[in-house]
Amino acid sequence: MSDFLTTRELAALLRVKERKVYDLAAEGALPVRRVTGKLLFPRGEIEDWLAAKGRGAARGERPLIVAGGHDPLLEWALRESRSGIAAFLDGALDGLERAATSGCIAAGLHIPEPGEDGWNVAAVSERLAGEPVVLIEWAKRTRGLMVRKELGRRVERLADARGLRFQSRQPEAGSELVLSALLHREGMSGEDLQRIPAVERSETDLAAAVAAGRADVGFGLEASARQFGLEFAPVVVERFDLVVWRKAYFDPPFQKLARFCAGAAFRERAETLGGYDVSQFGAVHFNAE
């Protein structure tokens, strides 16, 4: 048995793609030697590295945080369930990165992908390749154009927003990815929108900005538009999923949240907010091997 592992051998041992091994090596995350342009991994040091990684997982070093895209229903459920899980909802791409770097136990995602029901799976399987995660459905959400009533102009599709002050979200927000995909589908680009320089970092803040007259239109959730009494034109139904660290899924805090969300209070809140379909809550859309 050789004292060194090749990239292919280590990928097989870790049950990840070879690309993931190259990424870890480039980040300095694992022991590696470079010999005549090849990467070789000292077997003994790799075994020690795996043991240390296992001890860290056993200690539950991931913070008790749900990151990712902002969702009013999720924010409410985390509080109301008394699960003890904190929220740091600063964008789907931010959440995906935190999930990949052990910065949370779960992340909310609504990343559009090709296909009729294409959401989140490719992004998770690529960025979290080989990680023990499961992707479960939180809710389907209606997203569209929210417009202040005083505008006196019908805005039913993205082309109708030309010439209006458009309120954007931060680049890490999943809504910006969805918006970009829809603009492309309509033969438009971001330059066709009169974007306000300042961004809003949550669905609630986006709706508040439009309601206060700081913008004419925004691309947000029906639930937030209702909360602030805005006109709303539905554009897309997106699937908002939670990618969950598998160990955390079975730990008491997340199980407490899951039990709460299986109850009547959760369904009633979703109906009251509007624009939610929680009938498939908990459905598994990806389960890492």
C-alpha atoms as a PDB file:
ATOM      1  CA  MET A   1       0.000   0.000   0.000  1.00  0.00           C
ATOM      2  CA  SER A   2       1.460   3.338  -1.065  1.00  0.00           C
ATOM      3  CA  ASP A   3       2.206   6.028   1.512  1.00  0.00           C
ATOM      4  CA  PHE A   4       0.509   8.538  -0.811  1.00  0.00           C
ATOM      5  CA  LEU A   5      -2.945   8.792  -2.369  1.00  0.00           C
ATOM      6  CA  THR A   6      -3.621  10.166  -5.824  1.00  0.00           C
ATOM      7  CA  THR A   7      -6.357  12.712  -6.455  1.00  0.00           C
ATOM      8  CA  ARG A   8      -8.609   9.969  -7.830  1.00  0.00           C
ATOM      9  CA  GLU A   9      -7.968   7.687  -4.848  1.00  0.00           C
ATOM     10  CA  LEU A  10      -8.672  10.446  -2.355  1.00  0.00           C
ATOM     11  CA  ALA A  11     -11.849  11.431  -4.196  1.00  0.00           C
ATOM     12  CA  ALA A  12     -13.037   7.813  -3.963  1.00  0.00           C
ATOM     13  CA  LEU A  13     -12.157   7.692  -0.261  1.00  0.00           C
ATOM     14  CA  LEU A  14     -14.028  10.923   0.476  1.00  0.00           C
ATOM     15  CA  ARG A  15     -16.864  10.040  -1.923  1.00  0.00           C
ATOM     16  CA  VAL A  16     -16.580  13.352  -3.735  1.00  0.00           C
ATOM     17  CA  LYS A  17     -15.707  14.417  -7.267  1.00  0.00           C
ATOM     18  CA  GLU A  18     -12.053  14.952  -8.142  1.00  0.00           C
ATOM     19  CA  ARG A  19     -12.825  18.647  -8.668  1.00  0.00           C
ATOM     20  CA  LYS A  20     -13.761  18.912  -4.987  1.00  0.00           C
ATOM     21  CA  VAL A  21     -10.366  17.462  -4.016  1.00  0.00           C
ATOM     22  CA  TYR A  22      -8.592  20.036  -6.187  1.00  0.00           C
ATOM     23  CA  ASP A  23     -10.653  22.811  -4.564  1.00  0.00           C
ATOM     24  CA  LEU A  24      -9.801  21.604  -1.042  1.00  0.00           C
ATOM     25  CA  ALA A  25      -6.130  21.381  -1.936  1.00  0.00           C
ATOM     26  CA  ALA A  26      -6.142  24.894  -3.409  1.00  0.00           C
ATOM     27  CA  GLU A  27      -7.759  26.218  -0.227  1.00  0.00           C
ATOM     28  CA  GLY A  28      -5.117  24.513   1.916  1.00  0.00           C
ATOM     29  CA  ALA A  29      -7.869  22.576   3.660  1.00  0.00           C
ATOM     30  CA  LEU A  30      -6.124  19.193   3.598  1.00  0.00           C
ATOM     31  CA  PRO A  31      -2.555  17.801   3.636  1.00  0.00           C
ATOM     32  CA  VAL A  32      -0.994  17.687   0.165  1.00  0.00           C
ATOM     33  CA  ARG A  33       2.374  17.408  -1.570  1.00  0.00           C
ATOM     34  CA  ARG A  34       3.135  18.674  -5.061  1.00  0.00           C
ATOM     35  CA  VAL A  35       5.564  16.442  -6.924  1.00  0.00           C
ATOM     36  CA  THR A  36       6.500  17.179 -10.561  1.00  0.00           C
ATOM     37  CA  GLY A  37       3.206  18.941 -11.107  1.00  0.00           C
ATOM     38  CA  LYS A  38       1.071  16.197  -9.521  1.00  0.00           C
ATOM     39  CA  LEU A  39      -0.870  16.367  -6.265  1.00  0.00           C
ATOM     40  CA  LEU A  40      -0.119  13.564  -3.809  1.00  0.00           C
ATOM     41  CA  PHE A  41      -1.774  13.174  -0.427  1.00  0.00           C
ATOM     42  CA  PRO A  42       0.182  11.545   2.440  1.00  0.00           C
ATOM     43  CA  ARG A  43      -1.977   8.673   3.654  1.00  0.00           C
ATOM     44  CA  GLY A  44      -1.111   9.022   7.354  1.00  0.00           C
ATOM     45  CA  GLU A  45      -1.790  12.775   7.434  1.00  0.00           C
ATOM     46  CA  ILE A  46      -5.063  12.301   5.533  1.00  0.00           C
ATOM     47  CA  GLU A  47      -6.177   9.728   8.105  1.00  0.00           C
ATOM     48  CA  ASP A  48      -5.346  12.187  10.914  1.00  0.00           C
ATOM     49  CA  TRP A  49      -7.210  14.946   9.040  1.00  0.00           C
ATOM     50  CA  LEU A  50     -10.290  12.753   8.654  1.00  0.00           C
ATOM     51  CA  ALA A  51     -10.207  11.828  12.337  1.00  0.00           C
ATOM     52  CA  ALA A  52      -9.990  15.480  13.368  1.00  0.00           C
ATOM     53  CA  LYS A  53     -12.836  16.369  11.029  1.00  0.00           C
ATOM     54  CA  GLY A  54     -14.941  13.601  12.562  1.00  0.00           C
ATOM     55  CA  ARG A  55     -14.244  14.849  16.084  1.00  0.00           C
ATOM     56  CA  GLY A  56     -15.264  18.355  15.090  1.00  0.00           C
ATOM     57  CA  ALA A  57     -18.550  17.078  13.631  1.00  0.00           C
ATOM     58  CA  ALA A  58     -19.200  15.044  16.773  1.00  0.00           C
ATOM     59  CA  ARG A  59     -18.828  18.169  18.874  1.00  0.00           C
ATOM     60  CA  GLY A  60     -21.482  19.860  16.723  1.00  0.00           C
ATOM     61  CA  GLU A  61     -19.295  22.821  15.850  1.00  0.00           C
ATOM     62  CA  ARG A  62     -21.721  24.229  13.300  1.00  0.00           C
ATOM     63  CA  PRO A  63     -23.496  27.232  14.830  1.00  0.00           C
ATOM     64  CA  LEU A  64     -27.213  26.857  15.507  1.00  0.00           C
ATOM     65  CA  ILE A  65     -28.125  29.197  12.658  1.00  0.00           C
ATOM     66  CA  VAL A  66     -30.336  29.044   9.585  1.00  0.00           C
ATOM     67  CA  ALA A  67     -28.802  31.201   6.858  1.00  0.00           C
ATOM     68  CA  GLY A  68     -29.782  31.868   3.256  1.00  0.00           C
ATOM     69  CA  GLY A  69     -32.622  33.679   1.560  1.00  0.00           C
ATOM     70  CA  HIS A  70     -35.017  35.824   3.530  1.00  0.00           C
ATOM     71  CA  ASP A  71     -38.449  34.354   4.066  1.00  0.00           C
ATOM     72  CA  PRO A  72     -41.088  35.945   6.348  1.00  0.00           C
ATOM     73  CA  LEU A  73     -42.710  32.589   7.143  1.00  0.00           C
ATOM     74  CA  LEU A  74     -39.379  30.980   8.047  1.00  0.00           C
ATOM     75  CA  GLU A  75     -38.387  33.952  10.182  1.00  0.00           C
ATOM     76  CA  TRP A  76     -41.701  33.674  12.065  1.00  0.00           C
ATOM     77  CA  ALA A  77     -41.509  29.890  12.477  1.00  0.00           C
ATOM     78  CA  LEU A  78     -37.992  30.001  13.923  1.00  0.00           C
ATOM     79  CA  ARG A  79     -39.235  32.362  16.639  1.00  0.00           C
ATOM     80  CA  GLU A  80     -42.647  30.841  17.223  1.00  0.00           C
ATOM     81  CA  SER A  81     -41.417  27.247  17.466  1.00  0.00           C
ATOM     82  CA  ARG A  82     -39.006  28.137  20.296  1.00  0.00           C
ATOM     83  CA  SER A  83     -36.476  25.923  18.559  1.00  0.00           C
ATOM     84  CA  GLY A  84     -33.515  27.988  19.713  1.00  0.00           C
ATOM     85  CA  ILE A  85     -32.279  28.283  16.106  1.00  0.00           C
ATOM     86  CA  ALA A  86     -31.198  31.774  15.114  1.00  0.00           C
ATOM     87  CA  ALA A  87     -31.755  33.354  11.693  1.00  0.00           C
ATOM     88  CA  PHE A  88     -29.131  35.038   9.526  1.00  0.00           C
ATOM     89  CA  LEU A  89     -31.071  35.456   6.295  1.00  0.00           C
ATOM     90  CA  ASP A  90     -28.841  37.509   4.000  1.00  0.00           C
ATOM     91  CA  GLY A  91     -29.303  35.895   0.613  1.00  0.00           C
ATOM     92  CA  ALA A  92     -29.449  32.432  -0.930  1.00  0.00           C
ATOM     93  CA  LEU A  93     -25.897  32.550  -2.298  1.00  0.00           C
ATOM     94  CA  ASP A  94     -24.590  33.746   1.059  1.00  0.00           C
ATOM     95  CA  GLY A  95     -26.403  30.850   2.730  1.00  0.00           C
ATOM     96  CA  LEU A  96     -25.042  28.297   0.281  1.00  0.00           C
ATOM     97  CA  GLU A  97     -21.510  29.507   0.983  1.00  0.00           C
ATOM     98  CA  ARG A  98     -22.067  29.415   4.746  1.00  0.00           C
ATOM     99  CA  ALA A  99     -23.388  25.866   4.432  1.00  0.00           C
ATOM    100  CA  ALA A 100     -20.231  24.906   2.528  1.00  0.00           C
ATOM    101  CA  THR A 101     -17.945  26.441   5.166  1.00  0.00           C
ATOM    102  CA  SER A 102     -19.682  25.095   8.307  1.00  0.00           C
ATOM    103  CA  GLY A 103     -21.258  28.459   9.080  1.00  0.00           C
ATOM    104  CA  CYS A 104     -24.813  27.205   9.684  1.00  0.00           C
ATOM    105  CA  ILE A 105     -26.892  24.065  10.189  1.00  0.00           C
ATOM    106  CA  ALA A 106     -29.255  24.919   7.319  1.00  0.00           C
ATOM    107  CA  ALA A 107     -29.722  27.444   4.536  1.00  0.00           C
ATOM    108  CA  GLY A 108     -32.772  28.628   2.644  1.00  0.00           C
ATOM    109  CA  LEU A 109     -32.356  28.515  -1.138  1.00  0.00           C
ATOM    110  CA  HIS A 110     -34.357  29.581  -4.183  1.00  0.00           C
ATOM    111  CA  ILE A 111     -31.778  29.287  -6.937  1.00  0.00           C
ATOM    112  CA  PRO A 112     -33.349  28.879 -10.394  1.00  0.00           C
ATOM    113  CA  GLU A 113     -32.142  26.069 -12.656  1.00  0.00           C
ATOM    114  CA  PRO A 114     -33.137  24.723 -16.080  1.00  0.00           C
ATOM    115  CA  GLY A 115     -36.261  22.622 -16.242  1.00  0.00           C
ATOM    116  CA  GLU A 116     -39.922  23.032 -15.392  1.00  0.00           C
ATOM    117  CA  ASP A 117     -39.336  22.458 -11.684  1.00  0.00           C
ATOM    118  CA  GLY A 118     -35.671  23.412 -11.580  1.00  0.00           C
ATOM    119  CA  TRP A 119     -34.678  24.789  -8.224  1.00  0.00           C
ATOM    120  CA  ASN A 120     -31.602  24.380  -6.004  1.00  0.00           C
ATOM    121  CA  VAL A 121     -30.603  20.762  -6.691  1.00  0.00           C
ATOM    122  CA  ALA A 122     -27.709  21.401  -9.091  1.00  0.00           C
ATOM    123  CA  ALA A 123     -26.332  24.201  -6.906  1.00  0.00           C
ATOM    124  CA  VAL A 124     -26.372  21.986  -3.817  1.00  0.00           C
ATOM    125  CA  SER A 125     -24.965  18.900  -5.516  1.00  0.00           C
ATOM    126  CA  GLU A 126     -22.099  20.959  -6.960  1.00  0.00           C
ATOM    127  CA  ARG A 127     -21.174  23.288  -4.074  1.00  0.00           C
ATOM    128  CA  LEU A 128     -21.813  20.713  -1.341  1.00  0.00           C
ATOM    129  CA  ALA A 129     -20.527  17.671  -3.227  1.00  0.00           C
ATOM    130  CA  GLY A 130     -19.830  14.826  -0.842  1.00  0.00           C
ATOM    131  CA  GLU A 131     -21.198  16.647   2.187  1.00  0.00           C
ATOM    132  CA  PRO A 132     -23.836  14.926   4.368  1.00  0.00           C
ATOM    133  CA  VAL A 133     -26.768  17.185   3.532  1.00  0.00           C
ATOM    134  CA  VAL A 134     -30.417  16.819   2.620  1.00  0.00           C
ATOM    135  CA  LEU A 135     -32.504  19.312   0.617  1.00  0.00           C
ATOM    136  CA  ILE A 136     -36.097  19.565   1.807  1.00  0.00           C
ATOM    137  CA  GLU A 137     -38.939  21.738   0.586  1.00  0.00           C
ATOM    138  CA  TRP A 138     -39.990  24.618   2.781  1.00  0.00           C
ATOM    139  CA  ALA A 139     -42.692  26.174   0.609  1.00  0.00           C
ATOM    140  CA  LYS A 140     -43.602  27.310  -2.857  1.00  0.00           C
ATOM    141  CA  ARG A 141     -43.809  31.100  -2.952  1.00  0.00           C
ATOM    142  CA  THR A 142     -45.461  33.468  -5.410  1.00  0.00           C
ATOM    143  CA  ARG A 143     -43.085  36.203  -6.521  1.00  0.00           C
ATOM    144  CA  GLY A 144     -43.909  39.136  -8.722  1.00  0.00           C
ATOM    145  CA  LEU A 145     -44.008  42.875  -9.203  1.00  0.00           C
ATOM    146  CA  MET A 146     -45.023  44.939  -6.180  1.00  0.00           C
ATOM    147  CA  VAL A 147     -46.163  48.470  -6.962  1.00  0.00           C
ATOM    148  CA  ARG A 148     -47.317  51.326  -4.759  1.00  0.00           C
ATOM    149  CA  LYS A 149     -51.000  52.058  -5.336  1.00  0.00           C
ATOM    150  CA  GLU A 150     -50.425  55.798  -5.786  1.00  0.00           C
ATOM    151  CA  LEU A 151     -48.419  55.191  -8.954  1.00  0.00           C
ATOM    152  CA  GLY A 152     -51.593  55.050 -11.047  1.00  0.00           C
ATOM    153  CA  ARG A 153     -50.029  52.808 -13.671  1.00  0.00           C
ATOM    154  CA  ARG A 154     -50.540  49.125 -14.383  1.00  0.00           C
ATOM    155  CA  VAL A 155     -47.395  47.043 -14.045  1.00  0.00           C
ATOM    156  CA  GLU A 156     -48.084  43.411 -14.882  1.00  0.00           C
ATOM    157  CA  ARG A 157     -44.831  42.234 -16.455  1.00  0.00           C
ATOM    158  CA  LEU A 158     -41.194  43.220 -16.346  1.00  0.00           C
ATOM    159  CA  ALA A 159     -41.411  45.197 -19.590  1.00  0.00           C
ATOM    160  CA  ASP A 160     -43.992  47.451 -17.896  1.00  0.00           C
ATOM    161  CA  ALA A 161     -41.353  48.469 -15.319  1.00  0.00           C
ATOM    162  CA  ARG A 162     -39.280  50.344 -17.872  1.00  0.00           C
ATOM    163  CA  GLY A 163     -38.821  53.966 -16.825  1.00  0.00           C
ATOM    164  CA  LEU A 164     -39.904  53.323 -13.242  1.00  0.00           C
ATOM    165  CA  ARG A 165     -37.654  53.511 -10.201  1.00  0.00           C
ATOM    166  CA  PHE A 166     -36.808  49.863  -9.540  1.00  0.00           C
ATOM    167  CA  GLN A 167     -35.772  48.690  -6.074  1.00  0.00           C
ATOM    168  CA  SER A 168     -33.115  45.951  -6.128  1.00  0.00           C
ATOM    169  CA  ARG A 169     -31.858  43.420  -3.593  1.00  0.00           C
ATOM    170  CA  GLN A 170     -28.234  42.566  -2.821  1.00  0.00           C
ATOM    171  CA  PRO A 171     -26.354  40.457  -5.416  1.00  0.00           C
ATOM    172  CA  GLU A 172     -26.345  37.423  -3.056  1.00  0.00           C
ATOM    173  CA  ALA A 173     -30.153  37.359  -2.951  1.00  0.00           C
ATOM    174  CA  GLY A 174     -31.859  34.523  -4.787  1.00  0.00           C
ATOM    175  CA  SER A 175     -34.467  36.981  -6.059  1.00  0.00           C
ATOM    176  CA  GLU A 176     -31.774  38.692  -8.137  1.00  0.00           C
ATOM    177  CA  LEU A 177     -30.965  35.348  -9.775  1.00  0.00           C
ATOM    178  CA  VAL A 178     -34.653  34.727 -10.487  1.00  0.00           C
ATOM    179  CA  LEU A 179     -35.024  38.267 -11.851  1.00  0.00           C
ATOM    180  CA  SER A 180     -32.023  37.839 -14.140  1.00  0.00           C
ATOM    181  CA  ALA A 181     -33.431  34.581 -15.538  1.00  0.00           C
ATOM    182  CA  LEU A 182     -36.846  36.142 -16.182  1.00  0.00           C
ATOM    183  CA  LEU A 183     -35.348  39.228 -17.831  1.00  0.00           C
ATOM    184  CA  HIS A 184     -33.398  36.961 -20.172  1.00  0.00           C
ATOM    185  CA  ARG A 185     -36.568  35.032 -20.991  1.00  0.00           C
ATOM    186  CA  GLU A 186     -38.325  38.291 -21.939  1.00  0.00           C
ATOM    187  CA  GLY A 187     -35.404  39.491 -24.063  1.00  0.00           C
ATOM    188  CA  MET A 188     -34.423  42.138 -21.534  1.00  0.00           C
ATOM    189  CA  SER A 189     -31.386  42.833 -19.366  1.00  0.00           C
ATOM    190  CA  GLY A 190     -30.731  44.556 -16.061  1.00  0.00           C
ATOM    191  CA  GLU A 191     -29.879  47.724 -17.969  1.00  0.00           C
ATOM    192  CA  ASP A 192     -33.523  47.976 -19.036  1.00  0.00           C
ATOM    193  CA  LEU A 193     -34.462  48.692 -15.420  1.00  0.00           C
ATOM    194  CA  GLN A 194     -33.967  52.042 -13.740  1.00  0.00           C
ATOM    195  CA  ARG A 195     -32.377  50.588 -10.622  1.00  0.00           C
ATOM    196  CA  ILE A 196     -32.043  52.599  -7.433  1.00  0.00           C
ATOM    197  CA  PRO A 197     -28.386  52.507  -6.276  1.00  0.00           C
ATOM    198  CA  ALA A 198     -29.175  51.493  -2.681  1.00  0.00           C
ATOM    199  CA  VAL A 199     -30.227  47.865  -2.208  1.00  0.00           C
ATOM    200  CA  GLU A 200     -32.615  46.344   0.334  1.00  0.00           C
ATOM    201  CA  ARG A 201     -31.441  43.198   2.116  1.00  0.00           C
ATOM    202  CA  SER A 202     -34.756  41.484   2.904  1.00  0.00           C
ATOM    203  CA  GLU A 203     -38.164  40.887   1.347  1.00  0.00           C
ATOM    204  CA  THR A 204     -39.747  43.014   4.068  1.00  0.00           C
ATOM    205  CA  ASP A 205     -37.354  45.936   3.554  1.00  0.00           C
ATOM    206  CA  LEU A 206     -37.945  45.759  -0.197  1.00  0.00           C
ATOM    207  CA  ALA A 207     -41.701  46.108   0.251  1.00  0.00           C
ATOM    208  CA  ALA A 208     -41.227  48.866   2.832  1.00  0.00           C
ATOM    209  CA  ALA A 209     -39.087  50.858   0.393  1.00  0.00           C
ATOM    210  CA  VAL A 210     -41.806  50.718  -2.267  1.00  0.00           C
ATOM    211  CA  ALA A 211     -44.554  51.532   0.244  1.00  0.00           C
ATOM    212  CA  ALA A 212     -42.590  54.555   1.499  1.00  0.00           C
ATOM    213  CA  GLY A 213     -42.223  55.902  -2.041  1.00  0.00           C
ATOM    214  CA  ARG A 214     -38.459  55.435  -2.241  1.00  0.00           C
ATOM    215  CA  ALA A 215     -39.126  53.256  -5.301  1.00  0.00           C
ATOM    216  CA  ASP A 216     -41.997  52.693  -7.703  1.00  0.00           C
ATOM    217  CA  VAL A 217     -41.676  48.950  -8.156  1.00  0.00           C
ATOM    218  CA  GLY A 218     -39.813  45.940  -6.785  1.00  0.00           C
ATOM    219  CA  PHE A 219     -39.597  42.225  -7.495  1.00  0.00           C
ATOM    220  CA  GLY A 220     -40.724  40.575  -4.279  1.00  0.00           C
ATOM    221  CA  LEU A 221     -43.017  38.160  -2.504  1.00  0.00           C
ATOM    222  CA  GLU A 222     -46.798  38.340  -2.517  1.00  0.00           C
ATOM    223  CA  ALA A 223     -46.721  37.967   1.277  1.00  0.00           C
ATOM    224  CA  SER A 224     -44.619  41.120   1.673  1.00  0.00           C
ATOM    225  CA  ALA A 225     -46.721  43.071  -0.840  1.00  0.00           C
ATOM    226  CA  ARG A 226     -49.849  42.212   1.136  1.00  0.00           C
ATOM    227  CA  GLN A 227     -48.226  43.250   4.406  1.00  0.00           C
ATOM    228  CA  PHE A 228     -47.609  46.772   3.080  1.00  0.00           C
ATOM    229  CA  GLY A 229     -50.805  47.153   1.041  1.00  0.00           C
ATOM    230  CA  LEU A 230     -49.074  47.199  -2.349  1.00  0.00           C
ATOM    231  CA  GLU A 231     -50.443  46.296  -5.742  1.00  0.00           C
ATOM    232  CA  PHE A 232     -49.106  42.925  -6.821  1.00  0.00           C
ATOM    233  CA  ALA A 233     -48.774  41.172 -10.175  1.00  0.00           C
ATOM    234  CA  PRO A 234     -47.647  37.513  -9.929  1.00  0.00           C
ATOM    235  CA  VAL A 235     -44.803  36.520 -12.236  1.00  0.00           C
ATOM    236  CA  VAL A 236     -43.369  33.206 -11.013  1.00  0.00           C
ATOM    237  CA  VAL A 237     -43.912  30.493  -8.409  1.00  0.00           C
ATOM    238  CA  GLU A 238     -40.546  29.564  -6.922  1.00  0.00           C
ATOM    239  CA  ARG A 239     -39.584  26.665  -4.695  1.00  0.00           C
ATOM    240  CA  PHE A 240     -37.861  27.685  -1.477  1.00  0.00           C
ATOM    241  CA  ASP A 241     -35.912  24.772   0.019  1.00  0.00           C
ATOM    242  CA  LEU A 242     -33.786  24.223   3.103  1.00  0.00           C
ATOM    243  CA  VAL A 243     -30.463  22.468   2.683  1.00  0.00           C
ATOM    244  CA  VAL A 244     -29.836  20.899   6.091  1.00  0.00           C
ATOM    245  CA  TRP A 245     -26.726  19.336   7.610  1.00  0.00           C
ATOM    246  CA  ARG A 246     -27.896  15.738   8.098  1.00  0.00           C
ATOM    247  CA  LYS A 247     -26.785  15.429  11.735  1.00  0.00           C
ATOM    248  CA  ALA A 248     -28.511  18.716  12.600  1.00  0.00           C
ATOM    249  CA  TYR A 249     -31.710  17.486  10.944  1.00  0.00           C
ATOM    250  CA  PHE A 250     -32.078  14.802  13.628  1.00  0.00           C
ATOM    251  CA  ASP A 251     -30.946  16.973  16.545  1.00  0.00           C
ATOM    252  CA  PRO A 252     -33.626  18.330  18.938  1.00  0.00           C
ATOM    253  CA  PRO A 253     -33.640  21.997  17.758  1.00  0.00           C
ATOM    254  CA  PHE A 254     -34.395  21.218  14.110  1.00  0.00           C
ATOM    255  CA  GLN A 255     -36.813  18.439  15.037  1.00  0.00           C
ATOM    256  CA  LYS A 256     -38.680  20.906  17.229  1.00  0.00           C
ATOM    257  CA  LEU A 257     -38.948  23.285  14.274  1.00  0.00           C
ATOM    258  CA  ALA A 258     -40.102  20.461  11.988  1.00  0.00           C
ATOM    259  CA  ARG A 259     -42.799  19.314  14.424  1.00  0.00           C
ATOM    260  CA  PHE A 260     -44.072  22.880  14.755  1.00  0.00           C
ATOM    261  CA  CYS A 261     -44.240  23.268  10.978  1.00  0.00           C
ATOM    262  CA  ALA A 262     -46.317  20.091  10.719  1.00  0.00           C
ATOM    263  CA  GLY A 263     -49.034  21.704  12.846  1.00  0.00           C
ATOM    264  CA  ALA A 264     -52.098  23.817  12.154  1.00  0.00           C
ATOM    265  CA  ALA A 265     -50.581  27.115  13.360  1.00  0.00           C
ATOM    266  CA  PHE A 266     -47.933  26.961  10.645  1.00  0.00           C
ATOM    267  CA  ARG A 267     -50.454  26.280   7.882  1.00  0.00           C
ATOM    268  CA  GLU A 268     -52.735  29.048   9.153  1.00  0.00           C
ATOM    269  CA  ARG A 269     -49.870  31.535   9.211  1.00  0.00           C
ATOM    270  CA  ALA A 270     -48.903  30.645   5.653  1.00  0.00           C
ATOM    271  CA  GLU A 271     -52.482  31.194   4.507  1.00  0.00           C
ATOM    272  CA  THR A 272     -52.729  34.503   6.365  1.00  0.00           C
ATOM    273  CA  LEU A 273     -49.502  35.830   4.855  1.00  0.00           C
ATOM    274  CA  GLY A 274     -50.619  34.784   1.371  1.00  0.00           C
ATOM    275  CA  GLY A 275     -48.665  33.592  -1.616  1.00  0.00           C
ATOM    276  CA  TYR A 276     -47.480  30.382   0.057  1.00  0.00           C
ATOM    277  CA  ASP A 277     -48.124  26.728  -0.718  1.00  0.00           C
ATOM    278  CA  VAL A 278     -46.844  24.581   2.170  1.00  0.00           C
ATOM    279  CA  SER A 279     -48.607  21.372   1.138  1.00  0.00           C
ATOM    280  CA  GLN A 280     -45.267  19.715   0.272  1.00  0.00           C
ATOM    281  CA  PHE A 281     -43.351  20.918   3.327  1.00  0.00           C
ATOM    282  CA  GLY A 282     -40.607  18.414   4.155  1.00  0.00           C
ATOM    283  CA  ALA A 283     -40.506  16.733   0.731  1.00  0.00           C
ATOM    284  CA  VAL A 284     -36.952  15.596  -0.025  1.00  0.00           C
ATOM    285  CA  HIS A 285     -35.530  16.919  -3.293  1.00  0.00           C
ATOM    286  CA  PHE A 286     -31.909  15.873  -2.823  1.00  0.00           C
ATOM    287  CA  ASN A 287     -30.205  13.517  -0.396  1.00  0.00           C
ATOM    288  CA  ALA A 288     -26.421  13.262  -0.550  1.00  0.00           C
ATOM    289  CA  GLU A 289     -25.084   9.743  -0.701  1.00  0.00           C
END
